Amino acid sequence: MKIIEMLPGMDDKSLQNLFDNTTRIIAENKGKMLAQAAEVLPAVVAERARRKEAASTILAERAKVRAAERARTKPAAAPKKKAKAAEEQEAV
C-alpha cells in the first residue's frame, strides 16, 4: 500500500509528522527520497486542507444548533419603547 493511500486513516499527529518530514527532505534536497517526498507532499497538503474544511463545517453546524437552542429557550423580550409607554400610562 502506498503512503498516499494511507493518508485518510492517519491521525492528525502522524499526518503532521509526515508533512514535516517531507518538507524537510525537499528543503535539504535529500537524494533518492526527494522524488518520493515531492510526490507525497501535495497529497499531504490536500488531506490537511480537507480535514480543516471538515472541522470548519462541523464547528459551523454546532454554532447553528447552539443559536437555535438559545433562541428557543430565551423568553421573548418586550420592546423597550412599548414597555416604557405602558409604565407612563399606568403612572397617570
N, C-alpha and C. Protein backbone atom coordinates (compact mmCIF):
# COMPACT_ATOMS: atom_id res chain seq x y z
N MET A 1 0.84 -1.18 0.00
CA MET A 1 0.00 0.00 0.00
C MET A 1 0.89 1.24 0.00
N LYS A 2 0.58 2.18 -0.87
CA LYS A 2 1.33 3.43 -0.93
C LYS A 2 0.97 4.33 0.23
N ILE A 3 1.92 5.14 0.63
CA ILE A 3 1.70 6.06 1.74
C ILE A 3 0.54 7.00 1.44
N ILE A 4 0.38 7.40 0.20
CA ILE A 4 -0.70 8.31 -0.17
C ILE A 4 -2.06 7.69 0.12
N GLU A 5 -2.18 6.39 -0.06
CA GLU A 5 -3.45 5.71 0.20
C GLU A 5 -3.74 5.62 1.69
N MET A 6 -2.72 5.75 2.51
CA MET A 6 -2.89 5.64 3.96
C MET A 6 -3.25 6.97 4.62
N LEU A 7 -3.14 8.07 3.91
CA LEU A 7 -3.34 9.39 4.50
C LEU A 7 -4.70 9.57 5.19
N PRO A 8 -5.81 9.17 4.58
CA PRO A 8 -7.10 9.39 5.25
C PRO A 8 -7.23 8.67 6.60
N GLY A 9 -6.52 7.57 6.77
CA GLY A 9 -6.59 6.82 8.01
C GLY A 9 -5.61 7.26 9.08
N MET A 10 -4.72 8.16 8.74
CA MET A 10 -3.72 8.62 9.72
C MET A 10 -4.35 9.59 10.70
N ASP A 11 -3.82 9.56 11.94
CA ASP A 11 -4.28 10.56 12.90
C ASP A 11 -3.57 11.88 12.58
N ASP A 12 -4.04 12.95 13.18
CA ASP A 12 -3.52 14.28 12.87
C ASP A 12 -2.03 14.42 13.18
N LYS A 13 -1.59 13.82 14.27
CA LYS A 13 -0.18 13.93 14.64
C LYS A 13 0.71 13.23 13.62
N SER A 14 0.30 12.05 13.17
CA SER A 14 1.08 11.33 12.16
C SER A 14 1.12 12.09 10.84
N LEU A 15 -0.01 12.68 10.48
CA LEU A 15 -0.07 13.47 9.25
C LEU A 15 0.85 14.68 9.35
N GLN A 16 0.86 15.32 10.52
CA GLN A 16 1.75 16.47 10.72
C GLN A 16 3.21 16.04 10.64
N ASN A 17 3.54 14.90 11.23
CA ASN A 17 4.92 14.39 11.16
C ASN A 17 5.33 14.11 9.72
N LEU A 18 4.43 13.53 8.96
CA LEU A 18 4.73 13.25 7.55
C LEU A 18 4.94 14.55 6.78
N PHE A 19 4.10 15.54 7.05
CA PHE A 19 4.26 16.85 6.42
C PHE A 19 5.62 17.45 6.76
N ASP A 20 5.96 17.43 8.05
CA ASP A 20 7.25 17.98 8.48
C ASP A 20 8.42 17.26 7.81
N ASN A 21 8.35 15.94 7.76
CA ASN A 21 9.44 15.15 7.16
C ASN A 21 9.57 15.40 5.66
N THR A 22 8.44 15.44 4.95
CA THR A 22 8.53 15.65 3.50
C THR A 22 9.03 17.04 3.17
N THR A 23 8.60 18.04 3.93
CA THR A 23 9.10 19.40 3.66
C THR A 23 10.58 19.51 3.99
N ARG A 24 11.01 18.82 5.05
CA ARG A 24 12.44 18.84 5.41
C ARG A 24 13.27 18.17 4.33
N ILE A 25 12.82 17.02 3.84
CA ILE A 25 13.55 16.29 2.80
C ILE A 25 13.68 17.15 1.54
N ILE A 26 12.60 17.82 1.18
CA ILE A 26 12.64 18.68 -0.01
C ILE A 26 13.56 19.86 0.23
N ALA A 27 13.49 20.48 1.40
CA ALA A 27 14.33 21.64 1.70
C ALA A 27 15.82 21.28 1.72
N GLU A 28 16.12 20.07 2.22
CA GLU A 28 17.51 19.64 2.30
C GLU A 28 17.98 18.95 1.03
N ASN A 29 17.08 18.78 0.07
CA ASN A 29 17.40 18.16 -1.22
C ASN A 29 18.04 16.78 -1.03
N LYS A 30 17.36 15.92 -0.26
CA LYS A 30 17.86 14.58 0.07
C LYS A 30 17.69 13.63 -1.10
N GLY A 31 18.77 13.21 -1.69
CA GLY A 31 18.89 12.25 -2.79
C GLY A 31 17.66 11.50 -3.24
N LYS A 32 17.65 10.17 -3.04
CA LYS A 32 16.59 9.32 -3.60
C LYS A 32 15.24 9.55 -2.93
N MET A 33 15.23 10.06 -1.71
CA MET A 33 13.97 10.30 -1.02
C MET A 33 13.28 11.58 -1.52
N LEU A 34 14.01 12.42 -2.23
CA LEU A 34 13.47 13.68 -2.72
C LEU A 34 12.28 13.45 -3.66
N ALA A 35 12.41 12.52 -4.57
CA ALA A 35 11.33 12.24 -5.52
C ALA A 35 10.08 11.73 -4.80
N GLN A 36 10.28 10.87 -3.81
CA GLN A 36 9.14 10.35 -3.05
C GLN A 36 8.47 11.46 -2.24
N ALA A 37 9.27 12.30 -1.62
CA ALA A 37 8.72 13.40 -0.83
C ALA A 37 7.95 14.37 -1.72
N ALA A 38 8.49 14.65 -2.89
CA ALA A 38 7.82 15.55 -3.82
C ALA A 38 6.49 14.97 -4.31
N GLU A 39 6.40 13.66 -4.38
CA GLU A 39 5.16 13.00 -4.79
C GLU A 39 4.13 13.01 -3.66
N VAL A 40 4.60 12.82 -2.44
CA VAL A 40 3.70 12.69 -1.29
C VAL A 40 3.21 14.04 -0.77
N LEU A 41 4.05 15.06 -0.81
CA LEU A 41 3.72 16.34 -0.20
C LEU A 41 2.39 16.94 -0.69
N PRO A 42 2.10 16.99 -1.99
CA PRO A 42 0.81 17.56 -2.40
C PRO A 42 -0.40 16.80 -1.84
N ALA A 43 -0.28 15.50 -1.72
CA ALA A 43 -1.37 14.70 -1.15
C ALA A 43 -1.53 14.98 0.34
N VAL A 44 -0.44 15.18 1.03
CA VAL A 44 -0.48 15.50 2.46
C VAL A 44 -1.13 16.87 2.65
N VAL A 45 -0.74 17.83 1.85
CA VAL A 45 -1.32 19.17 1.93
C VAL A 45 -2.82 19.12 1.65
N ALA A 46 -3.22 18.36 0.65
CA ALA A 46 -4.64 18.23 0.31
C ALA A 46 -5.42 17.57 1.44
N GLU A 47 -4.86 16.57 2.08
CA GLU A 47 -5.53 15.89 3.19
C GLU A 47 -5.68 16.83 4.38
N ARG A 48 -4.66 17.61 4.66
CA ARG A 48 -4.74 18.58 5.76
C ARG A 48 -5.82 19.62 5.47
N ALA A 49 -5.91 20.08 4.22
CA ALA A 49 -6.93 21.06 3.84
C ALA A 49 -8.33 20.45 3.96
N ARG A 50 -8.47 19.19 3.57
CA ARG A 50 -9.76 18.51 3.66
C ARG A 50 -10.21 18.42 5.12
N ARG A 51 -9.28 18.08 5.99
CA ARG A 51 -9.61 17.96 7.41
C ARG A 51 -9.96 19.31 8.02
N LYS A 52 -9.25 20.34 7.61
CA LYS A 52 -9.54 21.68 8.12
C LYS A 52 -10.93 22.12 7.68
N GLU A 53 -11.28 21.87 6.44
CA GLU A 53 -12.60 22.21 5.92
C GLU A 53 -13.68 21.44 6.66
N ALA A 54 -13.45 20.16 6.90
CA ALA A 54 -14.42 19.33 7.62
C ALA A 54 -14.61 19.85 9.04
N ALA A 55 -13.53 20.23 9.69
CA ALA A 55 -13.62 20.76 11.05
C ALA A 55 -14.39 22.08 11.07
N SER A 56 -14.15 22.93 10.08
CA SER A 56 -14.86 24.20 10.00
C SER A 56 -16.35 23.98 9.81
N THR A 57 -16.71 23.02 8.97
CA THR A 57 -18.11 22.70 8.73
C THR A 57 -18.78 22.20 10.01
N ILE A 58 -18.10 21.35 10.72
CA ILE A 58 -18.64 20.82 11.98
C ILE A 58 -18.85 21.94 12.99
N LEU A 59 -17.86 22.83 13.11
CA LEU A 59 -17.98 23.94 14.06
C LEU A 59 -19.13 24.87 13.68
N ALA A 60 -19.30 25.12 12.39
CA ALA A 60 -20.40 25.98 11.94
C ALA A 60 -21.75 25.35 12.25
N GLU A 61 -21.85 24.05 12.05
CA GLU A 61 -23.11 23.35 12.35
C GLU A 61 -23.41 23.40 13.85
N ARG A 62 -22.39 23.20 14.66
CA ARG A 62 -22.58 23.26 16.12
C ARG A 62 -23.04 24.65 16.54
N ALA A 63 -22.47 25.69 15.94
CA ALA A 63 -22.85 27.06 16.27
C ALA A 63 -24.31 27.31 15.91
N LYS A 64 -24.76 26.78 14.78
CA LYS A 64 -26.16 26.93 14.38
C LYS A 64 -27.09 26.25 15.38
N VAL A 65 -26.71 25.06 15.81
CA VAL A 65 -27.53 24.32 16.77
C VAL A 65 -27.61 25.08 18.09
N ARG A 66 -26.47 25.58 18.57
CA ARG A 66 -26.46 26.34 19.83
C ARG A 66 -27.31 27.60 19.72
N ALA A 67 -27.22 28.30 18.59
CA ALA A 67 -28.01 29.51 18.40
C ALA A 67 -29.50 29.18 18.38
N ALA A 68 -29.86 28.10 17.73
CA ALA A 68 -31.26 27.69 17.68
C ALA A 68 -31.76 27.32 19.07
N GLU A 69 -30.93 26.65 19.86
CA GLU A 69 -31.32 26.28 21.22
C GLU A 69 -31.50 27.51 22.09
N ARG A 70 -30.60 28.48 21.95
CA ARG A 70 -30.72 29.71 22.73
C ARG A 70 -31.99 30.46 22.34
N ALA A 71 -32.27 30.53 21.05
CA ALA A 71 -33.45 31.25 20.58
C ALA A 71 -34.72 30.56 21.07
N ARG A 72 -34.70 29.26 21.15
CA ARG A 72 -35.88 28.50 21.57
C ARG A 72 -36.12 28.65 23.06
N THR A 73 -35.08 28.72 23.87
CA THR A 73 -35.24 28.74 25.32
C THR A 73 -35.27 30.15 25.89
N LYS A 74 -34.84 31.15 25.14
CA LYS A 74 -34.81 32.52 25.63
C LYS A 74 -36.21 33.13 25.53
N PRO A 75 -36.73 33.70 26.62
CA PRO A 75 -38.06 34.31 26.54
C PRO A 75 -38.01 35.56 25.67
N ALA A 76 -39.12 35.81 25.01
CA ALA A 76 -39.20 36.98 24.13
C ALA A 76 -39.21 38.24 24.99
N ALA A 77 -38.38 39.18 24.64
CA ALA A 77 -38.29 40.43 25.38
C ALA A 77 -39.26 41.44 24.78
N ALA A 78 -39.92 42.19 25.64
CA ALA A 78 -40.83 43.23 25.17
C ALA A 78 -40.00 44.40 24.68
N PRO A 79 -40.43 45.03 23.60
CA PRO A 79 -39.69 46.21 23.13
C PRO A 79 -39.68 47.29 24.20
N LYS A 80 -38.57 47.98 24.35
CA LYS A 80 -38.40 48.96 25.42
C LYS A 80 -39.35 50.15 25.29
N LYS A 81 -39.58 50.62 24.08
CA LYS A 81 -40.45 51.78 23.90
C LYS A 81 -41.87 51.47 24.35
N LYS A 82 -42.38 50.32 24.00
CA LYS A 82 -43.73 49.95 24.39
C LYS A 82 -43.82 49.74 25.89
N ALA A 83 -42.81 49.14 26.47
CA ALA A 83 -42.81 48.91 27.91
C ALA A 83 -42.77 50.24 28.66
N LYS A 84 -41.98 51.17 28.19
CA LYS A 84 -41.87 52.48 28.82
C LYS A 84 -43.19 53.23 28.69
N ALA A 85 -43.81 53.17 27.52
CA ALA A 85 -45.09 53.84 27.31
C ALA A 85 -46.16 53.24 28.22
N ALA A 86 -46.15 51.94 28.41
CA ALA A 86 -47.12 51.30 29.29
C ALA A 86 -46.91 51.73 30.73
N GLU A 87 -45.67 51.88 31.15
CA GLU A 87 -45.37 52.34 32.51
C GLU A 87 -45.88 53.76 32.72
N GLU A 88 -45.69 54.62 31.72
CA GLU A 88 -46.12 56.02 31.82
C GLU A 88 -47.64 56.12 31.93
N GLN A 89 -48.37 55.27 31.20
CA GLN A 89 -49.82 55.30 31.24
C GLN A 89 -50.33 54.79 32.59
N GLU A 90 -49.65 53.82 33.16
CA GLU A 90 -50.05 53.29 34.46
C GLU A 90 -49.82 54.34 35.55
N ALA A 91 -48.79 55.15 35.39
CA ALA A 91 -48.48 56.17 36.37
C ALA A 91 -49.51 57.28 36.36
N VAL A 92 -50.21 57.49 35.26
CA VAL A 92 -51.18 58.58 35.12
C VAL A 92 -52.47 58.26 35.76
